């Protein structure tokens, strides 16, 4: 079984920017939280939501850096949060809930990629712990505010990195299998997509929709700092001088284009009644089938989501496991 992955079509595309997809949407009176909202596509997401009238809250480990990044967004709030520290997640959520505000939009944009093998204080592999478990706990703690919005949307930033592997329920933290940075990244990004599937199912009766997103390949952000420069050069995404090559049809995007699908999922009226789906290029992605699989793996220009990343049974199992791991 998989979710219903059928493009609308939306009228937008790979080259659309966040400003373009939110045009005409008024977020006055709405509240948005954007993790990772002080760098890369997270910052652009926060900026565009703020410009549309939303009250924006940005959780951050580095408060000074976040405040400097948001100085052109008057009224934007910065609060401390470390996705690897469960106590800080609880403290952030408790402070937000104490404000009495509903939460209309939550964009889980923070993430790490292809790190060396590292474990958090609980012994959990850090890509899975940061990219999935930290956000899972954050959503769980903020649930009353999401329900109070009576029409909330949660956006989980996934990746085409789902190609590197699914969730290994028998060895989530690489205690028995050899560690490979991109395999761990793929597991965490698949977990992001599965999380949206099950969150949407659970939230449907309470007005909470969820989506996962492939933003595209945006190499001029801090996300690739652990990736060997030779791998970047071999990918063809940079020129001889190391400058990014832009080709949105191949998913090689600017930050403004990379933030577009997150913003579209968070705000578009086209998605009323649609949820639990994986999206890219500002539309619902088609499902990769046996007939399209070779083309999907061969080039980034073929859109689609692998079935293992939108499998409801795996999503339900991941939810139960995540509840145990985050107590």
C-alpha atoms as a PDB file:
ATOM      1  CA  UNK A   1       0.000   0.000   0.000  1.00  0.00           C
ATOM      2  CA  UNK A   2       1.062   3.595  -0.639  1.00  0.00           C
ATOM      3  CA  UNK A   3      -0.444   7.052  -0.313  1.00  0.00           C
ATOM      4  CA  UNK A   4      -2.313   8.605  -3.246  1.00  0.00           C
ATOM      5  CA  UNK A   5       0.550  10.231  -5.147  1.00  0.00           C
ATOM      6  CA  UNK A   6      -1.206  12.011  -7.995  1.00  0.00           C
ATOM      7  CA  UNK A   7       0.007  15.390  -9.349  1.00  0.00           C
ATOM      8  CA  UNK A   8      -2.795  17.970  -9.345  1.00  0.00           C
ATOM      9  CA  UNK A   9      -1.343  19.699 -11.501  1.00  0.00           C
ATOM     10  CA  UNK A  10      -0.694  22.870  -9.510  1.00  0.00           C
ATOM     11  CA  UNK A  11       0.313  25.243 -12.292  1.00  0.00           C
ATOM     12  CA  UNK A  12       3.711  25.769 -10.676  1.00  0.00           C
ATOM     13  CA  UNK A  13       6.949  23.992 -11.461  1.00  0.00           C
ATOM     14  CA  UNK A  14      10.590  23.362 -10.711  1.00  0.00           C
ATOM     15  CA  UNK A  15      11.610  26.974 -11.353  1.00  0.00           C
ATOM     16  CA  UNK A  16       8.862  28.523  -9.218  1.00  0.00           C
ATOM     17  CA  UNK A  17      10.016  30.518  -6.209  1.00  0.00           C
ATOM     18  CA  UNK A  18       8.573  30.725  -2.726  1.00  0.00           C
ATOM     19  CA  UNK A  19       7.401  34.277  -3.377  1.00  0.00           C
ATOM     20  CA  UNK A  20       5.566  33.165  -6.500  1.00  0.00           C
ATOM     21  CA  UNK A  21       3.679  30.280  -4.899  1.00  0.00           C
ATOM     22  CA  UNK A  22       2.484  32.358  -1.934  1.00  0.00           C
ATOM     23  CA  UNK A  23       1.293  35.281  -4.032  1.00  0.00           C
ATOM     24  CA  UNK A  24      -2.231  36.284  -2.996  1.00  0.00           C
ATOM     25  CA  UNK A  25      -2.119  34.355   0.307  1.00  0.00           C
ATOM     26  CA  UNK A  26      -2.690  36.496   3.414  1.00  0.00           C
ATOM     27  CA  UNK A  27      -1.276  34.975   6.606  1.00  0.00           C
ATOM     28  CA  UNK A  28      -2.258  37.834   8.896  1.00  0.00           C
ATOM     29  CA  UNK A  29      -3.197  36.357  12.276  1.00  0.00           C
ATOM     30  CA  UNK A  30      -1.472  33.044  11.526  1.00  0.00           C
ATOM     31  CA  UNK A  31       1.433  31.661  13.528  1.00  0.00           C
ATOM     32  CA  UNK A  32       4.293  29.703  11.954  1.00  0.00           C
ATOM     33  CA  UNK A  33       7.266  27.866  13.434  1.00  0.00           C
ATOM     34  CA  UNK A  34      10.170  27.091  11.084  1.00  0.00           C
ATOM     35  CA  UNK A  35      12.983  24.907  12.395  1.00  0.00           C
ATOM     36  CA  UNK A  36      16.241  25.720  10.659  1.00  0.00           C
ATOM     37  CA  UNK A  37      14.638  29.062   9.865  1.00  0.00           C
ATOM     38  CA  UNK A  38      17.841  31.052  10.108  1.00  0.00           C
ATOM     39  CA  UNK A  39      19.825  29.586   7.220  1.00  0.00           C
ATOM     40  CA  UNK A  40      19.388  28.136   3.751  1.00  0.00           C
ATOM     41  CA  UNK A  41      15.909  27.257   2.558  1.00  0.00           C
ATOM     42  CA  UNK A  42      14.611  27.492   6.134  1.00  0.00           C
ATOM     43  CA  UNK A  43      15.502  31.180   6.274  1.00  0.00           C
ATOM     44  CA  UNK A  44      13.819  31.821   2.923  1.00  0.00           C
ATOM     45  CA  UNK A  45      10.751  29.905   4.111  1.00  0.00           C
ATOM     46  CA  UNK A  46      10.571  31.996   7.281  1.00  0.00           C
ATOM     47  CA  UNK A  47      11.126  35.231   5.354  1.00  0.00           C
ATOM     48  CA  UNK A  48       8.345  34.574   2.857  1.00  0.00           C
ATOM     49  CA  UNK A  49       5.842  33.455   5.507  1.00  0.00           C
ATOM     50  CA  UNK A  50       6.669  36.572   7.529  1.00  0.00           C
ATOM     51  CA  UNK A  51       6.245  38.822   4.489  1.00  0.00           C
ATOM     52  CA  UNK A  52       2.787  37.315   3.952  1.00  0.00           C
ATOM     53  CA  UNK A  53       1.772  38.433   7.439  1.00  0.00           C
ATOM     54  CA  UNK A  54       2.488  35.420   9.643  1.00  0.00           C
ATOM     55  CA  UNK A  55       3.902  35.618  13.137  1.00  0.00           C
ATOM     56  CA  UNK A  56       7.113  33.622  12.738  1.00  0.00           C
ATOM     57  CA  UNK A  57       8.966  31.758  15.483  1.00  0.00           C
ATOM     58  CA  UNK A  58      12.398  30.309  14.725  1.00  0.00           C
ATOM     59  CA  UNK A  59      13.875  27.731  17.115  1.00  0.00           C
ATOM     60  CA  UNK A  60      17.671  27.820  17.134  1.00  0.00           C
ATOM     61  CA  UNK A  61      20.716  26.348  18.823  1.00  0.00           C
ATOM     62  CA  UNK A  62      22.786  29.444  17.992  1.00  0.00           C
ATOM     63  CA  UNK A  63      20.632  32.316  19.226  1.00  0.00           C
ATOM     64  CA  UNK A  64      22.984  35.112  18.182  1.00  0.00           C
ATOM     65  CA  UNK A  65      23.362  33.769  14.650  1.00  0.00           C
ATOM     66  CA  UNK A  66      19.599  33.389  14.345  1.00  0.00           C
ATOM     67  CA  UNK A  67      18.900  36.885  15.633  1.00  0.00           C
ATOM     68  CA  UNK A  68      21.365  38.342  13.146  1.00  0.00           C
ATOM     69  CA  UNK A  69      19.832  36.365  10.278  1.00  0.00           C
ATOM     70  CA  UNK A  70      16.329  37.564  11.164  1.00  0.00           C
ATOM     71  CA  UNK A  71      17.126  41.217  11.845  1.00  0.00           C
ATOM     72  CA  UNK A  72      15.291  42.244   8.671  1.00  0.00           C
ATOM     73  CA  UNK A  73      12.131  40.469   9.859  1.00  0.00           C
ATOM     74  CA  UNK A  74      10.620  42.758  12.521  1.00  0.00           C
ATOM     75  CA  UNK A  75       8.691  40.865  15.155  1.00  0.00           C
ATOM     76  CA  UNK A  76      10.146  37.459  14.286  1.00  0.00           C
ATOM     77  CA  UNK A  77      10.869  35.484  17.451  1.00  0.00           C
ATOM     78  CA  UNK A  78      13.943  33.400  18.207  1.00  0.00           C
ATOM     79  CA  UNK A  79      13.832  30.756  20.922  1.00  0.00           C
ATOM     80  CA  UNK A  80      16.385  28.186  22.019  1.00  0.00           C
ATOM     81  CA  UNK A  81      15.984  24.607  20.815  1.00  0.00           C
ATOM     82  CA  UNK A  82      18.413  21.764  20.155  1.00  0.00           C
ATOM     83  CA  UNK A  83      16.864  18.850  18.261  1.00  0.00           C
ATOM     84  CA  UNK A  84      19.338  16.460  19.922  1.00  0.00           C
ATOM     85  CA  UNK A  85      18.332  17.600  23.418  1.00  0.00           C
ATOM     86  CA  UNK A  86      14.885  16.277  24.439  1.00  0.00           C
ATOM     87  CA  UNK A  87      14.735  18.626  27.444  1.00  0.00           C
ATOM     88  CA  UNK A  88      15.218  21.674  25.231  1.00  0.00           C
ATOM     89  CA  UNK A  89      12.457  20.472  22.883  1.00  0.00           C
ATOM     90  CA  UNK A  90      10.093  20.147  25.837  1.00  0.00           C
ATOM     91  CA  UNK A  91      11.078  23.567  27.178  1.00  0.00           C
ATOM     92  CA  UNK A  92      10.536  25.231  23.791  1.00  0.00           C
ATOM     93  CA  UNK A  93       7.128  23.610  23.385  1.00  0.00           C
ATOM     94  CA  UNK A  94       6.042  24.437  26.924  1.00  0.00           C
ATOM     95  CA  UNK A  95       6.934  28.100  26.428  1.00  0.00           C
ATOM     96  CA  UNK A  96       5.028  28.253  23.151  1.00  0.00           C
ATOM     97  CA  UNK A  97       1.981  26.519  24.604  1.00  0.00           C
ATOM     98  CA  UNK A  98       2.047  28.906  27.562  1.00  0.00           C
ATOM     99  CA  UNK A  99       1.628  31.799  25.117  1.00  0.00           C
ATOM    100  CA  UNK A 100      -1.843  30.450  24.343  1.00  0.00           C
ATOM    101  CA  UNK A 101      -1.397  30.795  20.599  1.00  0.00           C
ATOM    102  CA  UNK A 102      -2.618  28.260  18.053  1.00  0.00           C
ATOM    103  CA  UNK A 103       0.011  26.933  15.634  1.00  0.00           C
ATOM    104  CA  UNK A 104      -1.137  27.147  12.030  1.00  0.00           C
ATOM    105  CA  UNK A 105       2.088  26.195  10.233  1.00  0.00           C
ATOM    106  CA  UNK A 106       5.032  24.071  11.359  1.00  0.00           C
ATOM    107  CA  UNK A 107       7.836  23.605   8.839  1.00  0.00           C
ATOM    108  CA  UNK A 108      10.475  21.108   9.946  1.00  0.00           C
ATOM    109  CA  UNK A 109      13.315  22.400   7.785  1.00  0.00           C
ATOM    110  CA  UNK A 110      16.338  21.850  10.043  1.00  0.00           C
ATOM    111  CA  UNK A 111      18.560  18.946   9.186  1.00  0.00           C
ATOM    112  CA  UNK A 112      22.024  17.476   8.830  1.00  0.00           C
ATOM    113  CA  UNK A 113      23.467  15.384   6.026  1.00  0.00           C
ATOM    114  CA  UNK A 114      26.061  12.631   5.563  1.00  0.00           C
ATOM    115  CA  UNK A 115      27.817  13.209   8.872  1.00  0.00           C
ATOM    116  CA  UNK A 116      30.530  10.920  10.243  1.00  0.00           C
ATOM    117  CA  UNK A 117      29.200   8.319  12.657  1.00  0.00           C
ATOM    118  CA  UNK A 118      28.131  10.205  15.769  1.00  0.00           C
ATOM    119  CA  UNK A 119      25.749   9.293  18.555  1.00  0.00           C
ATOM    120  CA  UNK A 120      23.761  11.539  20.859  1.00  0.00           C
ATOM    121  CA  UNK A 121      23.592  11.223  24.642  1.00  0.00           C
ATOM    122  CA  UNK A 122      21.017   8.428  24.263  1.00  0.00           C
ATOM    123  CA  UNK A 123      23.217   6.453  21.918  1.00  0.00           C
ATOM    124  CA  UNK A 124      21.082   7.271  18.870  1.00  0.00           C
ATOM    125  CA  UNK A 125      22.669   7.863  15.455  1.00  0.00           C
ATOM    126  CA  UNK A 126      22.555  11.631  15.008  1.00  0.00           C
ATOM    127  CA  UNK A 127      21.109  11.940  11.496  1.00  0.00           C
ATOM    128  CA  UNK A 128      18.080   9.860  12.478  1.00  0.00           C
ATOM    129  CA  UNK A 129      17.912  11.596  15.867  1.00  0.00           C
ATOM    130  CA  UNK A 130      18.133  15.127  14.446  1.00  0.00           C
ATOM    131  CA  UNK A 131      16.221  14.857  11.213  1.00  0.00           C
ATOM    132  CA  UNK A 132      13.435  12.600  12.451  1.00  0.00           C
ATOM    133  CA  UNK A 133      13.233  11.987  16.199  1.00  0.00           C
ATOM    134  CA  UNK A 134      13.775  15.604  17.261  1.00  0.00           C
ATOM    135  CA  UNK A 135      11.018  16.773  14.943  1.00  0.00           C
ATOM    136  CA  UNK A 136       8.771  13.887  15.967  1.00  0.00           C
ATOM    137  CA  UNK A 137       9.051  14.947  19.608  1.00  0.00           C
ATOM    138  CA  UNK A 138       8.507  18.604  18.703  1.00  0.00           C
ATOM    139  CA  UNK A 139       5.255  17.827  16.878  1.00  0.00           C
ATOM    140  CA  UNK A 140       4.058  15.621  19.727  1.00  0.00           C
ATOM    141  CA  UNK A 141       4.669  18.346  22.306  1.00  0.00           C
ATOM    142  CA  UNK A 142       3.103  21.073  20.159  1.00  0.00           C
ATOM    143  CA  UNK A 143       0.055  18.965  19.318  1.00  0.00           C
ATOM    144  CA  UNK A 144      -2.451  20.992  21.407  1.00  0.00           C
ATOM    145  CA  UNK A 145      -1.478  24.173  19.548  1.00  0.00           C
ATOM    146  CA  UNK A 146      -1.749  22.451  16.163  1.00  0.00           C
ATOM    147  CA  UNK A 147      -5.240  21.177  16.977  1.00  0.00           C
ATOM    148  CA  UNK A 148      -6.252  24.603  18.284  1.00  0.00           C
ATOM    149  CA  UNK A 149      -5.462  26.126  14.870  1.00  0.00           C
ATOM    150  CA  UNK A 150      -8.391  24.223  13.341  1.00  0.00           C
ATOM    151  CA  UNK A 151      -6.604  23.784  10.060  1.00  0.00           C
ATOM    152  CA  UNK A 152      -2.897  23.381  10.780  1.00  0.00           C
ATOM    153  CA  UNK A 153      -0.286  22.161   8.340  1.00  0.00           C
ATOM    154  CA  UNK A 154       2.960  20.384   9.153  1.00  0.00           C
ATOM    155  CA  UNK A 155       5.656  20.203   6.479  1.00  0.00           C
ATOM    156  CA  UNK A 156       8.513  17.703   6.852  1.00  0.00           C
ATOM    157  CA  UNK A 157      11.467  18.516   4.614  1.00  0.00           C
ATOM    158  CA  UNK A 158      12.555  15.185   3.191  1.00  0.00           C
ATOM    159  CA  UNK A 159      14.823  14.667   0.181  1.00  0.00           C
ATOM    160  CA  UNK A 160      15.494  12.634  -2.908  1.00  0.00           C
ATOM    161  CA  UNK A 161      17.973  11.073  -0.492  1.00  0.00           C
ATOM    162  CA  UNK A 162      15.227   8.500   0.085  1.00  0.00           C
ATOM    163  CA  UNK A 163      17.054   6.714  -2.760  1.00  0.00           C
ATOM    164  CA  UNK A 164      19.885   5.796  -0.390  1.00  0.00           C
ATOM    165  CA  UNK A 165      17.751   3.524   1.753  1.00  0.00           C
ATOM    166  CA  UNK A 166      14.632   2.920   3.773  1.00  0.00           C
ATOM    167  CA  UNK A 167      14.200   2.597   7.528  1.00  0.00           C
ATOM    168  CA  UNK A 168      16.030  -0.411   8.941  1.00  0.00           C
ATOM    169  CA  UNK A 169      13.833  -1.233  11.921  1.00  0.00           C
ATOM    170  CA  UNK A 170      16.235  -3.964  13.036  1.00  0.00           C
ATOM    171  CA  UNK A 171      19.224  -1.631  13.290  1.00  0.00           C
ATOM    172  CA  UNK A 172      18.145   2.010  13.326  1.00  0.00           C
ATOM    173  CA  UNK A 173      21.352   3.246  14.921  1.00  0.00           C
ATOM    174  CA  UNK A 174      23.978   1.234  13.031  1.00  0.00           C
ATOM    175  CA  UNK A 175      24.922  -0.896  15.995  1.00  0.00           C
ATOM    176  CA  UNK A 176      25.346  -4.032  13.883  1.00  0.00           C
ATOM    177  CA  UNK A 177      25.684  -2.966  10.226  1.00  0.00           C
ATOM    178  CA  UNK A 178      28.573  -0.916   8.835  1.00  0.00           C
ATOM    179  CA  UNK A 179      27.934   2.796   8.983  1.00  0.00           C
ATOM    180  CA  UNK A 180      27.678   4.641   5.682  1.00  0.00           C
ATOM    181  CA  UNK A 181      26.873   8.385   5.892  1.00  0.00           C
ATOM    182  CA  UNK A 182      24.502   8.499   2.932  1.00  0.00           C
ATOM    183  CA  UNK A 183      22.701   5.319   3.971  1.00  0.00           C
ATOM    184  CA  UNK A 184      22.029   6.963   7.337  1.00  0.00           C
ATOM    185  CA  UNK A 185      20.921  10.141   5.603  1.00  0.00           C
ATOM    186  CA  UNK A 186      18.574   8.174   3.364  1.00  0.00           C
ATOM    187  CA  UNK A 187      17.073   6.430   6.373  1.00  0.00           C
ATOM    188  CA  UNK A 188      16.396   9.758   8.100  1.00  0.00           C
ATOM    189  CA  UNK A 189      14.846  11.312   4.979  1.00  0.00           C
ATOM    190  CA  UNK A 190      12.651   8.262   4.401  1.00  0.00           C
ATOM    191  CA  UNK A 191      11.604   8.628   8.043  1.00  0.00           C
ATOM    192  CA  UNK A 192      10.600  12.256   7.365  1.00  0.00           C
ATOM    193  CA  UNK A 193       8.340  11.150   4.520  1.00  0.00           C
ATOM    194  CA  UNK A 194       6.811   8.272   6.491  1.00  0.00           C
ATOM    195  CA  UNK A 195       6.224  10.605   9.424  1.00  0.00           C
ATOM    196  CA  UNK A 196       4.068  12.857   7.233  1.00  0.00           C
ATOM    197  CA  UNK A 197       2.018   9.871   6.075  1.00  0.00           C
ATOM    198  CA  UNK A 198       1.106   8.741   9.581  1.00  0.00           C
ATOM    199  CA  UNK A 199       0.810  12.245  11.054  1.00  0.00           C
ATOM    200  CA  UNK A 200      -1.723  13.153   8.404  1.00  0.00           C
ATOM    201  CA  UNK A 201      -3.727   9.987   9.102  1.00  0.00           C
ATOM    202  CA  UNK A 202      -3.775  10.666  12.836  1.00  0.00           C
ATOM    203  CA  UNK A 203      -4.493  14.367  12.465  1.00  0.00           C
ATOM    204  CA  UNK A 204      -7.215  14.159   9.834  1.00  0.00           C
ATOM    205  CA  UNK A 205     -10.139  14.280  12.259  1.00  0.00           C
ATOM    206  CA  UNK A 206      -8.564  17.195  14.154  1.00  0.00           C
ATOM    207  CA  UNK A 207      -7.806  19.410  11.186  1.00  0.00           C
ATOM    208  CA  UNK A 208      -4.067  18.731  11.001  1.00  0.00           C
ATOM    209  CA  UNK A 209      -2.593  18.037   7.562  1.00  0.00           C
ATOM    210  CA  UNK A 210       0.950  16.868   6.906  1.00  0.00           C
ATOM    211  CA  UNK A 211       3.189  16.810   3.862  1.00  0.00           C
ATOM    212  CA  UNK A 212       6.750  15.802   3.056  1.00  0.00           C
ATOM    213  CA  UNK A 213       8.869  17.719   0.591  1.00  0.00           C
ATOM    214  CA  UNK A 214      11.851  17.251  -1.695  1.00  0.00           C
ATOM    215  CA  UNK A 215      13.154  20.823  -2.013  1.00  0.00           C
ATOM    216  CA  UNK A 216      15.613  20.094  -4.810  1.00  0.00           C
ATOM    217  CA  UNK A 217      19.400  20.142  -4.811  1.00  0.00           C
ATOM    218  CA  UNK A 218      20.624  23.412  -3.330  1.00  0.00           C
ATOM    219  CA  UNK A 219      24.340  23.122  -2.763  1.00  0.00           C
ATOM    220  CA  UNK A 220      25.144  26.631  -1.544  1.00  0.00           C
ATOM    221  CA  UNK A 221      23.823  26.037   1.968  1.00  0.00           C
ATOM    222  CA  UNK A 222      25.527  24.586   5.022  1.00  0.00           C
ATOM    223  CA  UNK A 223      23.903  21.194   4.501  1.00  0.00           C
ATOM    224  CA  UNK A 224      26.738  19.794   2.385  1.00  0.00           C
ATOM    225  CA  UNK A 225      29.588  20.692   4.731  1.00  0.00           C
ATOM    226  CA  UNK A 226      30.290  17.030   5.522  1.00  0.00           C
ATOM    227  CA  UNK A 227      30.234  15.922   1.865  1.00  0.00           C
ATOM    228  CA  UNK A 228      33.585  15.331   0.119  1.00  0.00           C
ATOM    229  CA  UNK A 229      34.141  18.160  -2.402  1.00  0.00           C
ATOM    230  CA  UNK A 230      35.110  15.525  -4.963  1.00  0.00           C
ATOM    231  CA  UNK A 231      31.615  14.057  -4.723  1.00  0.00           C
ATOM    232  CA  UNK A 232      30.137  17.503  -5.322  1.00  0.00           C
ATOM    233  CA  UNK A 233      32.346  18.080  -8.373  1.00  0.00           C
ATOM    234  CA  UNK A 234      31.568  14.636  -9.749  1.00  0.00           C
ATOM    235  CA  UNK A 235      27.832  15.354  -9.473  1.00  0.00           C
ATOM    236  CA  UNK A 236      28.127  18.095 -12.071  1.00  0.00           C
ATOM    237  CA  UNK A 237      26.297  20.613  -9.899  1.00  0.00           C
ATOM    238  CA  UNK A 238      29.243  23.047  -9.805  1.00  0.00           C
ATOM    239  CA  UNK A 239      31.396  24.574 -12.519  1.00  0.00           C
ATOM    240  CA  UNK A 240      35.187  24.472 -12.691  1.00  0.00           C
ATOM    241  CA  UNK A 241      35.409  27.376 -10.243  1.00  0.00           C
ATOM    242  CA  UNK A 242      33.147  25.579  -7.759  1.00  0.00           C
ATOM    243  CA  UNK A 243      30.170  27.849  -8.419  1.00  0.00           C
ATOM    244  CA  UNK A 244      26.702  26.293  -8.341  1.00  0.00           C
ATOM    245  CA  UNK A 245      25.109  25.469 -11.693  1.00  0.00           C
ATOM    246  CA  UNK A 246      21.398  26.263 -11.754  1.00  0.00           C
ATOM    247  CA  UNK A 247      19.114  23.954 -13.705  1.00  0.00           C
ATOM    248  CA  UNK A 248      15.769  23.636 -11.907  1.00  0.00           C
ATOM    249  CA  UNK A 249      14.481  21.001 -14.341  1.00  0.00           C
ATOM    250  CA  UNK A 250      17.282  18.785 -13.000  1.00  0.00           C
ATOM    251  CA  UNK A 251      16.433  19.912  -9.443  1.00  0.00           C
ATOM    252  CA  UNK A 252      19.581  22.105  -9.238  1.00  0.00           C
ATOM    253  CA  UNK A 253      17.898  25.075  -7.613  1.00  0.00           C
ATOM    254  CA  UNK A 254      18.406  28.429  -5.952  1.00  0.00           C
ATOM    255  CA  UNK A 255      17.455  28.877  -2.311  1.00  0.00           C
ATOM    256  CA  UNK A 256      14.336  30.752  -3.449  1.00  0.00           C
ATOM    257  CA  UNK A 257      13.296  27.834  -5.651  1.00  0.00           C
ATOM    258  CA  UNK A 258      14.264  25.316  -2.976  1.00  0.00           C
ATOM    259  CA  UNK A 259      11.942  26.890  -0.414  1.00  0.00           C
ATOM    260  CA  UNK A 260       9.000  27.012  -2.816  1.00  0.00           C
ATOM    261  CA  UNK A 261       7.565  23.535  -2.261  1.00  0.00           C
ATOM    262  CA  UNK A 262       7.662  23.900   1.531  1.00  0.00           C
ATOM    263  CA  UNK A 263       5.827  27.214   1.286  1.00  0.00           C
ATOM    264  CA  UNK A 264       3.336  25.809  -1.225  1.00  0.00           C
ATOM    265  CA  UNK A 265       2.533  22.850   1.034  1.00  0.00           C
ATOM    266  CA  UNK A 266       2.216  25.136   4.056  1.00  0.00           C
ATOM    267  CA  UNK A 267      -0.141  27.648   2.460  1.00  0.00           C
ATOM    268  CA  UNK A 268      -1.725  26.596  -0.828  1.00  0.00           C
ATOM    269  CA  UNK A 269      -5.526  26.376  -0.968  1.00  0.00           C
ATOM    270  CA  UNK A 270      -5.017  23.789  -3.718  1.00  0.00           C
ATOM    271  CA  UNK A 271      -4.121  21.264  -1.014  1.00  0.00           C
ATOM    272  CA  UNK A 272      -7.348  21.529   0.962  1.00  0.00           C
ATOM    273  CA  UNK A 273      -8.391  17.962   1.672  1.00  0.00           C
ATOM    274  CA  UNK A 274      -5.093  16.548   0.399  1.00  0.00           C
ATOM    275  CA  UNK A 275      -2.462  15.312   2.812  1.00  0.00           C
ATOM    276  CA  UNK A 276       0.063  12.669   3.730  1.00  0.00           C
ATOM    277  CA  UNK A 277       1.737  13.067   0.349  1.00  0.00           C
ATOM    278  CA  UNK A 278       5.311  13.602  -0.808  1.00  0.00           C
ATOM    279  CA  UNK A 279       5.711  16.721  -2.927  1.00  0.00           C
ATOM    280  CA  UNK A 280       8.328  18.272  -5.202  1.00  0.00           C
ATOM    281  CA  UNK A 281       8.454  21.090  -7.726  1.00  0.00           C
ATOM    282  CA  UNK A 282       5.375  22.619  -6.054  1.00  0.00           C
ATOM    283  CA  UNK A 283       3.114  19.679  -6.795  1.00  0.00           C
ATOM    284  CA  UNK A 284       2.289  16.220  -5.509  1.00  0.00           C
ATOM    285  CA  UNK A 285       4.906  13.770  -6.773  1.00  0.00           C
ATOM    286  CA  UNK A 286       3.939  10.756  -8.854  1.00  0.00           C
ATOM    287  CA  UNK A 287       4.742   7.316  -7.494  1.00  0.00           C
ATOM    288  CA  UNK A 288       7.842   5.676  -8.935  1.00  0.00           C
ATOM    289  CA  UNK A 289       6.652   2.487 -10.638  1.00  0.00           C
ATOM    290  CA  UNK A 290       8.627  -0.470 -12.001  1.00  0.00           C
ATOM    291  CA  UNK A 291       8.266   1.134 -15.433  1.00  0.00           C
ATOM    292  CA  UNK A 292       9.691   4.497 -14.302  1.00  0.00           C
ATOM    293  CA  UNK A 293      12.232   3.301 -11.733  1.00  0.00           C
ATOM    294  CA  UNK A 294      15.257   3.141 -14.048  1.00  0.00           C
ATOM    295  CA  UNK A 295      14.586   6.660 -15.359  1.00  0.00           C
ATOM    296  CA  UNK A 296      14.098   7.950 -11.805  1.00  0.00           C
ATOM    297  CA  UNK A 297      17.463   6.608 -10.660  1.00  0.00           C
ATOM    298  CA  UNK A 298      19.199   7.742 -13.852  1.00  0.00           C
ATOM    299  CA  UNK A 299      18.414  11.449 -13.564  1.00  0.00           C
ATOM    300  CA  UNK A 300      17.053  14.070 -11.203  1.00  0.00           C
ATOM    301  CA  UNK A 301      14.721  15.440 -13.894  1.00  0.00           C
ATOM    302  CA  UNK A 302      12.304  12.513 -13.468  1.00  0.00           C
ATOM    303  CA  UNK A 303      10.004  13.370 -10.528  1.00  0.00           C
ATOM    304  CA  UNK A 304       8.612  10.778  -8.174  1.00  0.00           C
ATOM    305  CA  UNK A 305       8.678   9.119  -4.778  1.00  0.00           C
ATOM    306  CA  UNK A 306       9.793   5.568  -4.078  1.00  0.00           C
ATOM    307  CA  UNK A 307       7.026   3.364  -2.622  1.00  0.00           C
ATOM    308  CA  UNK A 308       9.001   2.575   0.548  1.00  0.00           C
ATOM    309  CA  UNK A 309       8.871   6.262   1.568  1.00  0.00           C
ATOM    310  CA  UNK A 310       5.057   6.492   1.499  1.00  0.00           C
ATOM    311  CA  UNK A 311       4.090   3.054   2.779  1.00  0.00           C
ATOM    312  CA  UNK A 312       1.337   3.443   5.420  1.00  0.00           C
ATOM    313  CA  UNK A 313       2.266   0.218   7.222  1.00  0.00           C
ATOM    314  CA  UNK A 314       5.893   1.294   7.576  1.00  0.00           C
ATOM    315  CA  UNK A 315       4.698   4.766   8.621  1.00  0.00           C
ATOM    316  CA  UNK A 316       2.530   3.341  11.398  1.00  0.00           C
ATOM    317  CA  UNK A 317       5.388   1.126  12.601  1.00  0.00           C
ATOM    318  CA  UNK A 318       7.824   4.053  12.587  1.00  0.00           C
ATOM    319  CA  UNK A 319       5.395   6.123  14.659  1.00  0.00           C
ATOM    320  CA  UNK A 320       5.189   3.424  17.340  1.00  0.00           C
ATOM    321  CA  UNK A 321       8.957   2.999  17.396  1.00  0.00           C
ATOM    322  CA  UNK A 322       9.470   6.774  17.582  1.00  0.00           C
ATOM    323  CA  UNK A 323       7.089   7.032  20.536  1.00  0.00           C
ATOM    324  CA  UNK A 324       9.201   4.501  22.421  1.00  0.00           C
ATOM    325  CA  UNK A 325      12.497   6.146  21.490  1.00  0.00           C
ATOM    326  CA  UNK A 326      11.323   9.600  22.587  1.00  0.00           C
ATOM    327  CA  UNK A 327       9.399   8.355  25.635  1.00  0.00           C
END
